[in-house]
Amino acid sequence: MQKNTVKKVGIIRCQQTEDMCPGTNDFKVAADGKLAFEAIGPVEVIGFVSCGGCPGKRSVARAKMMVDRGAEAIVMASCITRGNPIGVACPHKDEMRNAIARKVGEEVGIIDYTH
């Protein structure tokens, strides 16, 4: 993606980590255009939802909902793809990402982590 092409994003997080992480770092790096957002710059987070529980059973519908409400990219939070803060990445992350990409279409970017 080129810099400044994505302005609004929706973030999907792991439901199992909700009680351990309020998403503070996700919001900070998005607003500052750092880490995963370095290539596109600061973005507006228009939605911050969980995957719906294993195996990501609500992630596709929730991604579509955020796209319908203006998200130009869907971000898989680092709790899903890198295992922050529990140290174990989601075993369903690839299937979830592929299903989301199929549902929202090629014009919507998918970002594979936050921080």
Protein backbone atom coordinates (compact mmCIF):
# COMPACT_ATOMS: atom_id res chain seq x y z
CA MET A 1 0.00 0.00 0.00
CA GLN A 2 1.15 3.50 -0.71
CA LYS A 3 1.41 6.16 1.97
CA ASN A 4 -1.85 8.00 2.71
CA THR A 5 -4.07 5.61 0.73
CA VAL A 6 -5.85 4.22 3.78
CA LYS A 7 -7.52 6.65 6.14
CA LYS A 8 -10.07 4.52 8.00
CA VAL A 9 -9.48 1.06 9.44
CA GLY A 10 -11.35 -1.53 11.44
CA ILE A 11 -9.37 -3.65 13.90
CA ILE A 12 -10.24 -7.24 14.80
CA ARG A 13 -8.80 -8.52 18.06
CA CYS A 14 -8.69 -11.84 19.90
CA GLN A 15 -11.68 -12.35 22.17
CA GLN A 16 -9.58 -14.37 24.63
CA THR A 17 -7.29 -11.40 25.36
CA GLU A 18 -10.01 -8.77 25.87
CA ASP A 19 -9.78 -8.93 29.65
CA MET A 20 -5.96 -8.54 29.57
CA CYS A 21 -5.58 -5.78 26.97
CA PRO A 22 -7.67 -2.65 26.44
CA GLY A 23 -6.13 -2.06 22.99
CA THR A 24 -4.16 0.99 24.09
CA ASN A 25 -1.13 0.20 21.92
CA ASP A 26 -3.33 -0.59 18.92
CA PHE A 27 -4.96 2.83 19.09
CA LYS A 28 -1.67 4.62 19.72
CA VAL A 29 0.24 3.11 16.78
CA ALA A 30 -2.75 3.66 14.48
CA ALA A 31 -3.09 7.33 15.45
CA ASP A 32 0.66 7.91 15.21
CA GLY A 33 1.11 5.99 11.95
CA LYS A 34 3.77 3.78 13.53
CA LEU A 35 4.77 0.10 13.23
CA ALA A 36 2.17 -1.66 11.02
CA PHE A 37 0.85 1.73 9.90
CA GLU A 38 4.25 3.14 8.91
CA ALA A 39 3.63 2.73 5.17
CA ILE A 40 0.23 4.44 5.23
CA GLY A 41 0.59 7.00 8.00
CA PRO A 42 -1.87 7.87 10.76
CA VAL A 43 -5.31 6.32 10.41
CA GLU A 44 -8.71 6.65 12.01
CA VAL A 45 -9.96 3.54 13.78
CA ILE A 46 -13.67 3.28 13.01
CA GLY A 47 -14.22 -0.07 14.69
CA PHE A 48 -12.48 -2.23 17.28
CA VAL A 49 -14.16 -5.62 17.64
CA SER A 50 -13.29 -9.13 18.74
CA CYS A 51 -13.16 -12.13 16.45
CA GLY A 52 -16.18 -13.54 18.26
CA GLY A 53 -14.28 -16.42 19.82
CA CYS A 54 -12.52 -19.45 18.41
CA PRO A 55 -12.20 -20.21 15.60
CA GLY A 56 -12.85 -16.56 14.68
CA LYS A 57 -16.50 -17.36 14.06
CA ARG A 58 -17.69 -13.75 13.83
CA SER A 59 -14.61 -12.16 12.28
CA VAL A 60 -15.87 -12.26 8.69
CA ALA A 61 -19.26 -10.70 9.43
CA ARG A 62 -17.67 -8.09 11.68
CA ALA A 63 -15.05 -7.21 9.06
CA LYS A 64 -17.81 -6.79 6.45
CA MET A 65 -19.80 -4.60 8.85
CA MET A 66 -16.80 -2.29 9.36
CA VAL A 67 -16.18 -2.08 5.61
CA ASP A 68 -19.85 -1.22 5.09
CA ARG A 69 -19.35 1.59 7.62
CA GLY A 70 -16.33 3.05 5.88
CA ALA A 71 -13.26 0.98 6.74
CA GLU A 72 -10.76 1.00 3.89
CA ALA A 73 -8.65 -1.72 5.52
CA ILE A 74 -9.14 -4.46 8.08
CA VAL A 75 -6.37 -4.92 10.62
CA MET A 76 -5.69 -8.20 12.37
CA ALA A 77 -4.51 -7.08 15.81
CA SER A 78 -1.20 -8.37 17.12
CA CYS A 79 -2.98 -10.50 19.71
CA ILE A 80 -4.22 -12.65 16.81
CA THR A 81 -1.17 -12.71 14.58
CA ARG A 82 1.70 -12.34 17.05
CA GLY A 83 0.21 -13.65 20.28
CA ASN A 84 0.49 -10.41 22.28
CA PRO A 85 0.11 -10.42 25.30
CA ILE A 86 -0.27 -14.17 25.95
CA GLY A 87 2.63 -15.36 23.79
CA VAL A 88 0.56 -17.62 21.54
CA ALA A 89 -0.68 -16.54 18.12
CA CYS A 90 -4.15 -17.64 17.03
CA PRO A 91 -4.03 -21.05 15.35
CA HIS A 92 -6.90 -19.89 13.09
CA LYS A 93 -5.30 -16.63 11.95
CA ASP A 94 -4.59 -17.68 8.36
CA GLU A 95 -8.04 -19.14 7.74
CA MET A 96 -9.62 -16.09 9.36
CA ARG A 97 -7.57 -13.69 7.23
CA ASN A 98 -8.33 -15.59 4.01
CA ALA A 99 -12.06 -15.72 4.76
CA ILE A 100 -12.13 -11.99 5.52
CA ALA A 101 -10.24 -11.19 2.31
CA ARG A 102 -12.72 -13.25 0.26
CA LYS A 103 -15.69 -11.53 1.88
CA VAL A 104 -14.56 -7.89 1.72
CA GLY A 105 -12.91 -8.05 -1.70
CA GLU A 106 -9.57 -7.09 -3.15
CA GLU A 107 -10.08 -3.33 -2.88
CA VAL A 108 -10.05 -3.54 0.93
CA GLY A 109 -6.57 -3.89 2.39
CA ILE A 110 -5.71 -6.38 5.11
CA ILE A 111 -3.00 -5.42 7.58
CA ASP A 112 -1.48 -8.38 9.40
CA TYR A 113 -0.60 -6.85 12.77
CA THR A 114 -0.74 -3.62 14.76
CA HIS A 115 2.33 -3.47 16.97
